[in-house]
Amino acid sequence: MKIGFIGTGVMGTGMINNLLKAGFEVAVYNRTKAHAQPVLSRGATWQATPALLTQVSDVVITMVGFPKDVETVYFGNNGIFQTAQTGQTLIDMTTSSPMLAEKIFKTGQQRQIDVLDAPVSGGDVGAKKGTLTIMVGGLKPVYDKLLPIFNEMGTSVSRFGTAGQGQNAKMANQIMIAGTMTGLTEALVFAKKAGLDQAQMIKTIQGGGAANWSMGTYGPRILAGDLKPGFYAKHFLKDLRIALTVADQMHLQLPATKQAKALYEAMVDQFGWGDLGTQGLIKIYDRP
């Protein structure tokens, strides 16, 4: 099975490497070819456009930044649907809009092309180790057929229903992460002000009822001054905006998520720190 993979960023690179290790033939495309060099050096092949990549692939996976990027990659000039053919499978693993996932699915159906939305959770560490959590929307027979590919990238793979439901599951995930990231940040700020040993506090918390992935993964990075992106703050803000848009459509109020969005808006839009990792939220509190 030949796989085409669009997007060789922080997440995509780790996912592609795991597919290569599993023996899949992988062609790649990225807006900047230099960013694809780490996977090209491991055996991936280069295609100059999404349309050309689609021509040589049985399965096309996309992992790009924003919904507008997904729209362009699928529907734009030299996009996937310019050359996609009956019998191919398209998988968008970007965290994107459930409505856009439905649009891609319907376009695929019209052309007898299988489509899944399959956003992931687990950050750069999960992408590298192949331990991502993968949330899938789409038809069950297609999901069953693609499980061997998903299993090379993740250790927890679940189908939640029809097109768009993978994205909705990821929105629920991001709502939870919003709470743990703000909790982590404010716990560290409080501990520092109170004169506690922050490293000891993290170790203690991780052994009790407040244990959480954000604390265990990003707490030590913050203490080490490491704000490099395992997951970009600008992408997390995008996710929170999507989640709240969908919540508004469901007439659902999520006040805690709105507050998290406001904090990340300050970080990204006001101070320009969107290319830091989500743990860079600590800088909002560290300002004089």
C-alpha atoms as a PDB file:
ATOM      1  CA  MET A   1       0.000   0.000   0.000  1.00  0.00           C
ATOM      2  CA  LYS A   2       1.419   3.370  -1.051  1.00  0.00           C
ATOM      3  CA  ILE A   3       0.827   6.227   1.371  1.00  0.00           C
ATOM      4  CA  GLY A   4       0.989   9.914   0.550  1.00  0.00           C
ATOM      5  CA  PHE A   5       1.504  12.205   3.534  1.00  0.00           C
ATOM      6  CA  ILE A   6       0.971  15.986   3.378  1.00  0.00           C
ATOM      7  CA  GLY A   7       2.502  17.969   6.239  1.00  0.00           C
ATOM      8  CA  THR A   8       5.968  17.334   7.675  1.00  0.00           C
ATOM      9  CA  GLY A   9       5.757  19.532  10.760  1.00  0.00           C
ATOM     10  CA  VAL A  10       6.331  18.650  14.399  1.00  0.00           C
ATOM     11  CA  MET A  11       3.617  15.993  14.378  1.00  0.00           C
ATOM     12  CA  GLY A  12       3.791  14.804  10.783  1.00  0.00           C
ATOM     13  CA  THR A  13       7.507  14.020  10.896  1.00  0.00           C
ATOM     14  CA  GLY A  14       7.128  11.554  13.758  1.00  0.00           C
ATOM     15  CA  MET A  15       4.081   9.929  12.177  1.00  0.00           C
ATOM     16  CA  ILE A  16       5.815   9.522   8.815  1.00  0.00           C
ATOM     17  CA  ASN A  17       8.895   7.999  10.449  1.00  0.00           C
ATOM     18  CA  ASN A  18       6.730   5.371  12.133  1.00  0.00           C
ATOM     19  CA  LEU A  19       5.053   4.513   8.823  1.00  0.00           C
ATOM     20  CA  LEU A  20       8.475   4.168   7.187  1.00  0.00           C
ATOM     21  CA  LYS A  21       9.675   1.942  10.043  1.00  0.00           C
ATOM     22  CA  ALA A  22       6.635  -0.265   9.477  1.00  0.00           C
ATOM     23  CA  GLY A  23       7.695  -0.790   5.872  1.00  0.00           C
ATOM     24  CA  PHE A  24       5.178   1.425   4.089  1.00  0.00           C
ATOM     25  CA  GLU A  25       6.207   3.269   0.948  1.00  0.00           C
ATOM     26  CA  VAL A  26       5.597   6.945   1.755  1.00  0.00           C
ATOM     27  CA  ALA A  27       5.564   9.964  -0.553  1.00  0.00           C
ATOM     28  CA  VAL A  28       5.453  13.382   1.090  1.00  0.00           C
ATOM     29  CA  TYR A  29       4.581  16.992   0.325  1.00  0.00           C
ATOM     30  CA  ASN A  30       5.132  20.090   2.420  1.00  0.00           C
ATOM     31  CA  ARG A  31       4.925  23.773   1.514  1.00  0.00           C
ATOM     32  CA  THR A  32       8.640  24.076   2.325  1.00  0.00           C
ATOM     33  CA  LYS A  33      10.675  21.156   0.987  1.00  0.00           C
ATOM     34  CA  ALA A  34      13.535  21.802   3.417  1.00  0.00           C
ATOM     35  CA  HIS A  35      11.216  20.956   6.311  1.00  0.00           C
ATOM     36  CA  ALA A  36      10.660  17.522   4.769  1.00  0.00           C
ATOM     37  CA  GLN A  37      14.377  16.668   4.715  1.00  0.00           C
ATOM     38  CA  PRO A  38      14.327  14.634   7.968  1.00  0.00           C
ATOM     39  CA  VAL A  39      11.816  12.161   6.478  1.00  0.00           C
ATOM     40  CA  LEU A  40      13.329  12.263   2.984  1.00  0.00           C
ATOM     41  CA  SER A  41      16.631  11.214   4.531  1.00  0.00           C
ATOM     42  CA  ARG A  42      14.861   8.203   6.048  1.00  0.00           C
ATOM     43  CA  GLY A  43      13.437   6.988   2.761  1.00  0.00           C
ATOM     44  CA  ALA A  44      10.327   9.014   1.989  1.00  0.00           C
ATOM     45  CA  THR A  45       9.999  10.350  -1.561  1.00  0.00           C
ATOM     46  CA  TRP A  46       9.083  13.902  -2.551  1.00  0.00           C
ATOM     47  CA  GLN A  47       6.134  15.075  -4.649  1.00  0.00           C
ATOM     48  CA  ALA A  48       5.911  18.726  -5.693  1.00  0.00           C
ATOM     49  CA  THR A  49       2.156  19.261  -5.169  1.00  0.00           C
ATOM     50  CA  PRO A  50      -0.743  17.587  -3.331  1.00  0.00           C
ATOM     51  CA  ALA A  51      -2.236  16.680  -6.721  1.00  0.00           C
ATOM     52  CA  LEU A  52       0.940  14.906  -7.859  1.00  0.00           C
ATOM     53  CA  LEU A  53       1.245  13.132  -4.506  1.00  0.00           C
ATOM     54  CA  THR A  54      -2.345  11.899  -4.805  1.00  0.00           C
ATOM     55  CA  GLN A  55      -1.633  10.424  -8.228  1.00  0.00           C
ATOM     56  CA  VAL A  56       0.970   8.030  -6.784  1.00  0.00           C
ATOM     57  CA  SER A  57      -0.823   7.085  -3.545  1.00  0.00           C
ATOM     58  CA  ASP A  58      -3.437   4.549  -2.481  1.00  0.00           C
ATOM     59  CA  VAL A  59      -4.044   6.417   0.786  1.00  0.00           C
ATOM     60  CA  VAL A  60      -3.484  10.153   1.291  1.00  0.00           C
ATOM     61  CA  ILE A  61      -3.026  11.476   4.842  1.00  0.00           C
ATOM     62  CA  THR A  62      -3.100  15.195   5.624  1.00  0.00           C
ATOM     63  CA  MET A  63      -1.656  16.776   8.771  1.00  0.00           C
ATOM     64  CA  VAL A  64      -1.526  20.546   8.283  1.00  0.00           C
ATOM     65  CA  GLY A  65      -2.044  23.604  10.485  1.00  0.00           C
ATOM     66  CA  PHE A  66      -5.410  25.294  10.149  1.00  0.00           C
ATOM     67  CA  PRO A  67      -8.818  24.597   8.555  1.00  0.00           C
ATOM     68  CA  LYS A  68      -7.964  27.074   5.767  1.00  0.00           C
ATOM     69  CA  ASP A  69      -4.895  24.926   5.016  1.00  0.00           C
ATOM     70  CA  VAL A  70      -7.051  21.793   4.905  1.00  0.00           C
ATOM     71  CA  GLU A  71      -9.473  23.541   2.524  1.00  0.00           C
ATOM     72  CA  THR A  72      -6.619  24.549   0.207  1.00  0.00           C
ATOM     73  CA  VAL A  73      -4.945  21.141   0.255  1.00  0.00           C
ATOM     74  CA  TYR A  74      -8.173  19.349  -0.681  1.00  0.00           C
ATOM     75  CA  PHE A  75     -10.033  21.831  -2.888  1.00  0.00           C
ATOM     76  CA  GLY A  76      -7.418  24.314  -4.153  1.00  0.00           C
ATOM     77  CA  ASN A  77      -5.456  24.450  -7.388  1.00  0.00           C
ATOM     78  CA  ASN A  78      -3.138  21.432  -7.435  1.00  0.00           C
ATOM     79  CA  GLY A  79      -5.160  20.056  -4.508  1.00  0.00           C
ATOM     80  CA  ILE A  80      -6.030  16.470  -3.693  1.00  0.00           C
ATOM     81  CA  PHE A  81      -9.427  16.470  -5.398  1.00  0.00           C
ATOM     82  CA  GLN A  82      -7.800  17.605  -8.661  1.00  0.00           C
ATOM     83  CA  THR A  83      -6.449  14.078  -9.165  1.00  0.00           C
ATOM     84  CA  ALA A  84      -8.159  11.805  -6.595  1.00  0.00           C
ATOM     85  CA  GLN A  85      -9.723   8.716  -8.143  1.00  0.00           C
ATOM     86  CA  THR A  86     -12.357   6.147  -7.263  1.00  0.00           C
ATOM     87  CA  GLY A  87     -10.987   3.584  -4.818  1.00  0.00           C
ATOM     88  CA  GLN A  88      -8.534   5.851  -3.035  1.00  0.00           C
ATOM     89  CA  THR A  89      -8.813   6.718   0.660  1.00  0.00           C
ATOM     90  CA  LEU A  90      -8.279  10.208   2.099  1.00  0.00           C
ATOM     91  CA  ILE A  91      -7.606  10.743   5.816  1.00  0.00           C
ATOM     92  CA  ASP A  92      -7.455  14.197   7.361  1.00  0.00           C
ATOM     93  CA  MET A  93      -5.585  13.957  10.666  1.00  0.00           C
ATOM     94  CA  THR A  94      -5.465  17.717  11.189  1.00  0.00           C
ATOM     95  CA  THR A  95      -7.514  19.023  14.099  1.00  0.00           C
ATOM     96  CA  SER A  96     -10.064  20.906  12.052  1.00  0.00           C
ATOM     97  CA  SER A  97     -13.727  21.840  11.738  1.00  0.00           C
ATOM     98  CA  PRO A  98     -16.331  19.053  11.910  1.00  0.00           C
ATOM     99  CA  MET A  99     -18.252  20.912   9.188  1.00  0.00           C
ATOM    100  CA  LEU A 100     -15.218  20.843   6.886  1.00  0.00           C
ATOM    101  CA  ALA A 101     -14.771  17.134   7.602  1.00  0.00           C
ATOM    102  CA  GLU A 102     -18.356  16.574   6.450  1.00  0.00           C
ATOM    103  CA  LYS A 103     -17.720  18.614   3.275  1.00  0.00           C
ATOM    104  CA  ILE A 104     -14.647  16.528   2.397  1.00  0.00           C
ATOM    105  CA  PHE A 105     -16.576  13.322   3.095  1.00  0.00           C
ATOM    106  CA  LYS A 106     -19.505  14.337   0.864  1.00  0.00           C
ATOM    107  CA  THR A 107     -17.174  15.310  -1.965  1.00  0.00           C
ATOM    108  CA  GLY A 108     -15.473  11.941  -1.627  1.00  0.00           C
ATOM    109  CA  GLN A 109     -18.784  10.095  -1.692  1.00  0.00           C
ATOM    110  CA  GLN A 110     -19.747  11.810  -4.940  1.00  0.00           C
ATOM    111  CA  ARG A 111     -16.581  10.390  -6.518  1.00  0.00           C
ATOM    112  CA  GLN A 112     -16.599   6.996  -4.768  1.00  0.00           C
ATOM    113  CA  ILE A 113     -13.538   7.991  -2.729  1.00  0.00           C
ATOM    114  CA  ASP A 114     -13.355   6.903   0.908  1.00  0.00           C
ATOM    115  CA  VAL A 115     -12.800   9.663   3.486  1.00  0.00           C
ATOM    116  CA  LEU A 116     -12.040   9.601   7.213  1.00  0.00           C
ATOM    117  CA  ASP A 117     -11.397  12.413   9.690  1.00  0.00           C
ATOM    118  CA  ALA A 118      -8.887  11.213  12.278  1.00  0.00           C
ATOM    119  CA  PRO A 119      -7.399  13.936  14.492  1.00  0.00           C
ATOM    120  CA  VAL A 120      -4.870  12.917  17.112  1.00  0.00           C
ATOM    121  CA  SER A 121      -3.776  13.687  20.660  1.00  0.00           C
ATOM    122  CA  GLY A 122      -0.424  13.021  22.290  1.00  0.00           C
ATOM    123  CA  GLY A 123       1.830  15.826  21.095  1.00  0.00           C
ATOM    124  CA  ASP A 124       5.319  15.515  19.665  1.00  0.00           C
ATOM    125  CA  VAL A 125       6.221  12.728  22.102  1.00  0.00           C
ATOM    126  CA  GLY A 126       3.270  10.593  21.004  1.00  0.00           C
ATOM    127  CA  ALA A 127       4.015  11.252  17.335  1.00  0.00           C
ATOM    128  CA  LYS A 128       7.650  10.159  17.747  1.00  0.00           C
ATOM    129  CA  LYS A 129       6.877   7.080  19.825  1.00  0.00           C
ATOM    130  CA  GLY A 130       3.832   5.973  17.826  1.00  0.00           C
ATOM    131  CA  THR A 131       1.631   6.248  20.910  1.00  0.00           C
ATOM    132  CA  LEU A 132      -0.906   8.782  19.669  1.00  0.00           C
ATOM    133  CA  THR A 133      -4.581   8.668  20.543  1.00  0.00           C
ATOM    134  CA  ILE A 134      -6.499   8.716  17.250  1.00  0.00           C
ATOM    135  CA  MET A 135     -10.176   9.739  17.067  1.00  0.00           C
ATOM    136  CA  VAL A 136     -11.913   8.704  13.862  1.00  0.00           C
ATOM    137  CA  GLY A 137     -15.077   9.715  12.044  1.00  0.00           C
ATOM    138  CA  GLY A 138     -16.332   7.957   8.912  1.00  0.00           C
ATOM    139  CA  LEU A 139     -17.755   4.686   7.663  1.00  0.00           C
ATOM    140  CA  LYS A 140     -16.889   1.602   9.709  1.00  0.00           C
ATOM    141  CA  PRO A 141     -15.710  -0.620   6.814  1.00  0.00           C
ATOM    142  CA  VAL A 142     -13.256   2.090   5.786  1.00  0.00           C
ATOM    143  CA  TYR A 143     -12.089   2.498   9.389  1.00  0.00           C
ATOM    144  CA  ASP A 144     -11.578  -1.270   9.710  1.00  0.00           C
ATOM    145  CA  LYS A 145      -9.555  -1.367   6.474  1.00  0.00           C
ATOM    146  CA  LEU A 146      -7.261   1.452   7.617  1.00  0.00           C
ATOM    147  CA  LEU A 147      -6.647   0.182  11.172  1.00  0.00           C
ATOM    148  CA  PRO A 148      -3.239  -1.322  10.281  1.00  0.00           C
ATOM    149  CA  ILE A 149      -2.040   2.174   9.288  1.00  0.00           C
ATOM    150  CA  PHE A 150      -3.517   3.843  12.364  1.00  0.00           C
ATOM    151  CA  ASN A 151      -1.957   1.216  14.615  1.00  0.00           C
ATOM    152  CA  GLU A 152       1.523   2.167  13.403  1.00  0.00           C
ATOM    153  CA  MET A 153       0.973   5.753  14.568  1.00  0.00           C
ATOM    154  CA  GLY A 154      -1.093   5.284  17.712  1.00  0.00           C
ATOM    155  CA  THR A 155      -1.837   2.934  20.574  1.00  0.00           C
ATOM    156  CA  SER A 156      -5.408   4.089  21.189  1.00  0.00           C
ATOM    157  CA  VAL A 157      -7.591   4.207  18.080  1.00  0.00           C
ATOM    158  CA  SER A 158     -11.355   4.713  18.321  1.00  0.00           C
ATOM    159  CA  ARG A 159     -14.136   5.350  15.832  1.00  0.00           C
ATOM    160  CA  PHE A 160     -16.836   7.694  17.128  1.00  0.00           C
ATOM    161  CA  GLY A 161     -19.332   7.602  14.267  1.00  0.00           C
ATOM    162  CA  THR A 162     -19.898   9.213  10.905  1.00  0.00           C
ATOM    163  CA  ALA A 163     -17.973  12.015   9.205  1.00  0.00           C
ATOM    164  CA  GLY A 164     -17.072  14.854  11.551  1.00  0.00           C
ATOM    165  CA  GLN A 165     -17.387  12.813  14.730  1.00  0.00           C
ATOM    166  CA  GLY A 166     -13.641  12.306  14.958  1.00  0.00           C
ATOM    167  CA  GLN A 167     -13.281  16.075  14.982  1.00  0.00           C
ATOM    168  CA  ASN A 168     -16.001  16.427  17.614  1.00  0.00           C
ATOM    169  CA  ALA A 169     -14.196  13.892  19.805  1.00  0.00           C
ATOM    170  CA  LYS A 170     -10.993  15.919  19.417  1.00  0.00           C
ATOM    171  CA  MET A 171     -12.864  19.072  20.453  1.00  0.00           C
ATOM    172  CA  ALA A 172     -13.873  17.316  23.687  1.00  0.00           C
ATOM    173  CA  ASN A 173     -10.204  16.364  24.150  1.00  0.00           C
ATOM    174  CA  GLN A 174      -9.062  19.959  23.648  1.00  0.00           C
ATOM    175  CA  ILE A 175     -11.669  21.263  26.086  1.00  0.00           C
ATOM    176  CA  MET A 176     -10.158  18.943  28.695  1.00  0.00           C
ATOM    177  CA  ILE A 177      -6.599  19.981  27.802  1.00  0.00           C
ATOM    178  CA  ALA A 178      -7.608  23.638  28.203  1.00  0.00           C
ATOM    179  CA  GLY A 179      -8.418  22.923  31.827  1.00  0.00           C
ATOM    180  CA  THR A 180      -5.245  20.960  32.540  1.00  0.00           C
ATOM    181  CA  MET A 181      -2.969  23.537  30.878  1.00  0.00           C
ATOM    182  CA  THR A 182      -4.430  26.462  32.798  1.00  0.00           C
ATOM    183  CA  GLY A 183      -4.392  24.356  35.982  1.00  0.00           C
ATOM    184  CA  LEU A 184      -0.749  23.384  35.428  1.00  0.00           C
ATOM    185  CA  THR A 185       0.294  26.985  34.816  1.00  0.00           C
ATOM    186  CA  GLU A 186      -1.495  28.450  37.807  1.00  0.00           C
ATOM    187  CA  ALA A 187      -0.369  25.616  40.101  1.00  0.00           C
ATOM    188  CA  LEU A 188       3.263  26.384  39.226  1.00  0.00           C
ATOM    189  CA  VAL A 189       2.752  30.134  39.654  1.00  0.00           C
ATOM    190  CA  PHE A 190       1.112  29.564  43.036  1.00  0.00           C
ATOM    191  CA  ALA A 191       3.823  27.133  44.191  1.00  0.00           C
ATOM    192  CA  LYS A 192       6.589  29.561  43.212  1.00  0.00           C
ATOM    193  CA  LYS A 193       4.953  32.473  45.038  1.00  0.00           C
ATOM    194  CA  ALA A 194       4.411  30.316  48.117  1.00  0.00           C
ATOM    195  CA  GLY A 195       8.070  29.310  48.178  1.00  0.00           C
ATOM    196  CA  LEU A 196       7.489  25.640  47.360  1.00  0.00           C
ATOM    197  CA  ASP A 197       9.943  23.461  45.482  1.00  0.00           C
ATOM    198  CA  GLN A 198       8.147  23.308  42.119  1.00  0.00           C
ATOM    199  CA  ALA A 199       9.809  20.076  40.986  1.00  0.00           C
ATOM    200  CA  GLN A 200       8.844  18.389  44.247  1.00  0.00           C
ATOM    201  CA  MET A 201       5.311  19.700  43.846  1.00  0.00           C
ATOM    202  CA  ILE A 202       5.020  18.233  40.334  1.00  0.00           C
ATOM    203  CA  LYS A 203       6.284  14.854  41.533  1.00  0.00           C
ATOM    204  CA  THR A 204       3.848  14.881  44.438  1.00  0.00           C
ATOM    205  CA  ILE A 205       0.850  15.943  42.344  1.00  0.00           C
ATOM    206  CA  GLN A 206       1.595  13.257  39.784  1.00  0.00           C
ATOM    207  CA  GLY A 207       1.240  10.661  42.531  1.00  0.00           C
ATOM    208  CA  GLY A 208      -2.202  11.833  43.648  1.00  0.00           C
ATOM    209  CA  GLY A 209      -5.686  12.669  42.472  1.00  0.00           C
ATOM    210  CA  ALA A 210      -4.548  15.738  40.489  1.00  0.00           C
ATOM    211  CA  ALA A 211      -2.211  13.720  38.260  1.00  0.00           C
ATOM    212  CA  ASN A 212      -2.561  14.619  34.592  1.00  0.00           C
ATOM    213  CA  TRP A 213      -0.696  14.362  31.293  1.00  0.00           C
ATOM    214  CA  SER A 214      -0.114  18.109  30.955  1.00  0.00           C
ATOM    215  CA  MET A 215       1.546  18.324  34.368  1.00  0.00           C
ATOM    216  CA  GLY A 216       3.766  15.311  33.762  1.00  0.00           C
ATOM    217  CA  THR A 217       4.756  16.294  30.228  1.00  0.00           C
ATOM    218  CA  TYR A 218       4.974  20.083  30.302  1.00  0.00           C
ATOM    219  CA  GLY A 219       5.675  20.821  33.963  1.00  0.00           C
ATOM    220  CA  PRO A 220       9.323  19.651  33.766  1.00  0.00           C
ATOM    221  CA  ARG A 221       9.764  21.491  30.462  1.00  0.00           C
ATOM    222  CA  ILE A 222       8.604  24.748  32.034  1.00  0.00           C
ATOM    223  CA  LEU A 223      11.000  24.343  34.970  1.00  0.00           C
ATOM    224  CA  ALA A 224      13.832  23.683  32.507  1.00  0.00           C
ATOM    225  CA  GLY A 225      12.943  26.837  30.555  1.00  0.00           C
ATOM    226  CA  ASP A 226      11.988  24.715  27.553  1.00  0.00           C
ATOM    227  CA  LEU A 227       9.091  26.411  25.768  1.00  0.00           C
ATOM    228  CA  LYS A 228       9.743  24.784  22.371  1.00  0.00           C
ATOM    229  CA  PRO A 229       6.570  23.509  20.731  1.00  0.00           C
ATOM    230  CA  GLY A 230       5.478  19.951  21.254  1.00  0.00           C
ATOM    231  CA  PHE A 231       2.209  21.513  20.161  1.00  0.00           C
ATOM    232  CA  TYR A 232       2.066  25.123  18.949  1.00  0.00           C
ATOM    233  CA  ALA A 233       0.120  27.605  21.056  1.00  0.00           C
ATOM    234  CA  LYS A 234      -1.300  29.139  17.868  1.00  0.00           C
ATOM    235  CA  HIS A 235      -2.711  25.743  16.861  1.00  0.00           C
ATOM    236  CA  PHE A 236      -4.197  25.174  20.314  1.00  0.00           C
ATOM    237  CA  LEU A 237      -5.912  28.564  20.139  1.00  0.00           C
ATOM    238  CA  LYS A 238      -7.312  27.533  16.749  1.00  0.00           C
ATOM    239  CA  ASP A 239      -8.704  24.372  18.354  1.00  0.00           C
ATOM    240  CA  LEU A 240     -10.349  26.273  21.203  1.00  0.00           C
ATOM    241  CA  ARG A 241     -11.975  28.639  18.730  1.00  0.00           C
ATOM    242  CA  ILE A 242     -13.356  25.704  16.741  1.00  0.00           C
ATOM    243  CA  ALA A 243     -14.624  24.019  19.918  1.00  0.00           C
ATOM    244  CA  LEU A 244     -16.428  27.157  21.046  1.00  0.00           C
ATOM    245  CA  THR A 245     -17.906  27.742  17.574  1.00  0.00           C
ATOM    246  CA  VAL A 246     -19.331  24.222  17.582  1.00  0.00           C
ATOM    247  CA  ALA A 247     -20.562  24.697  21.167  1.00  0.00           C
ATOM    248  CA  ASP A 248     -22.356  27.892  20.126  1.00  0.00           C
ATOM    249  CA  GLN A 249     -24.068  25.993  17.309  1.00  0.00           C
ATOM    250  CA  MET A 250     -25.254  23.472  19.912  1.00  0.00           C
ATOM    251  CA  HIS A 251     -26.420  26.331  22.206  1.00  0.00           C
ATOM    252  CA  LEU A 252     -23.951  25.125  24.822  1.00  0.00           C
ATOM    253  CA  GLN A 253     -22.123  27.416  27.251  1.00  0.00           C
ATOM    254  CA  LEU A 254     -18.518  26.532  28.148  1.00  0.00           C
ATOM    255  CA  PRO A 255     -17.311  29.385  30.392  1.00  0.00           C
ATOM    256  CA  ALA A 256     -14.065  27.707  31.518  1.00  0.00           C
ATOM    257  CA  THR A 257     -13.068  27.016  27.916  1.00  0.00           C
ATOM    258  CA  LYS A 258     -13.863  30.628  27.017  1.00  0.00           C
ATOM    259  CA  GLN A 259     -11.489  31.790  29.757  1.00  0.00           C
ATOM    260  CA  ALA A 260      -8.750  29.467  28.489  1.00  0.00           C
ATOM    261  CA  LYS A 261      -9.280  30.874  24.989  1.00  0.00           C
ATOM    262  CA  ALA A 262      -8.920  34.413  26.335  1.00  0.00           C
ATOM    263  CA  LEU A 263      -5.602  33.511  27.993  1.00  0.00           C
ATOM    264  CA  TYR A 264      -4.242  31.918  24.833  1.00  0.00           C
ATOM    265  CA  GLU A 265      -5.489  34.871  22.777  1.00  0.00           C
ATOM    266  CA  ALA A 266      -3.408  37.136  24.996  1.00  0.00           C
ATOM    267  CA  MET A 267      -0.406  34.871  24.519  1.00  0.00           C
ATOM    268  CA  VAL A 268      -0.765  34.484  20.747  1.00  0.00           C
ATOM    269  CA  ASP A 269      -2.483  37.637  19.497  1.00  0.00           C
ATOM    270  CA  GLN A 270      -1.383  40.248  22.029  1.00  0.00           C
ATOM    271  CA  PHE A 271       2.181  39.168  22.764  1.00  0.00           C
ATOM    272  CA  GLY A 272       3.015  37.243  19.591  1.00  0.00           C
ATOM    273  CA  TRP A 273       4.073  34.001  21.264  1.00  0.00           C
ATOM    274  CA  GLY A 274       2.078  31.667  19.013  1.00  0.00           C
ATOM    275  CA  ASP A 275       5.120  29.712  17.861  1.00  0.00           C
ATOM    276  CA  LEU A 276       5.915  28.646  21.416  1.00  0.00           C
ATOM    277  CA  GLY A 277       4.508  25.439  22.818  1.00  0.00           C
ATOM    278  CA  THR A 278       1.270  25.467  24.775  1.00  0.00           C
ATOM    279  CA  GLN A 279       3.379  25.491  27.963  1.00  0.00           C
ATOM    280  CA  GLY A 280       4.480  28.989  26.952  1.00  0.00           C
ATOM    281  CA  LEU A 281       1.313  30.196  28.678  1.00  0.00           C
ATOM    282  CA  ILE A 282       3.539  30.555  31.748  1.00  0.00           C
ATOM    283  CA  LYS A 283       5.000  33.720  30.150  1.00  0.00           C
ATOM    284  CA  ILE A 284       1.654  35.494  30.623  1.00  0.00           C
ATOM    285  CA  TYR A 285       2.121  35.120  34.393  1.00  0.00           C
ATOM    286  CA  ASP A 286       5.871  35.778  34.396  1.00  0.00           C
ATOM    287  CA  ARG A 287       5.537  39.286  32.966  1.00  0.00           C
ATOM    288  CA  PRO A 288       6.724  42.081  35.318  1.00  0.00           C
END
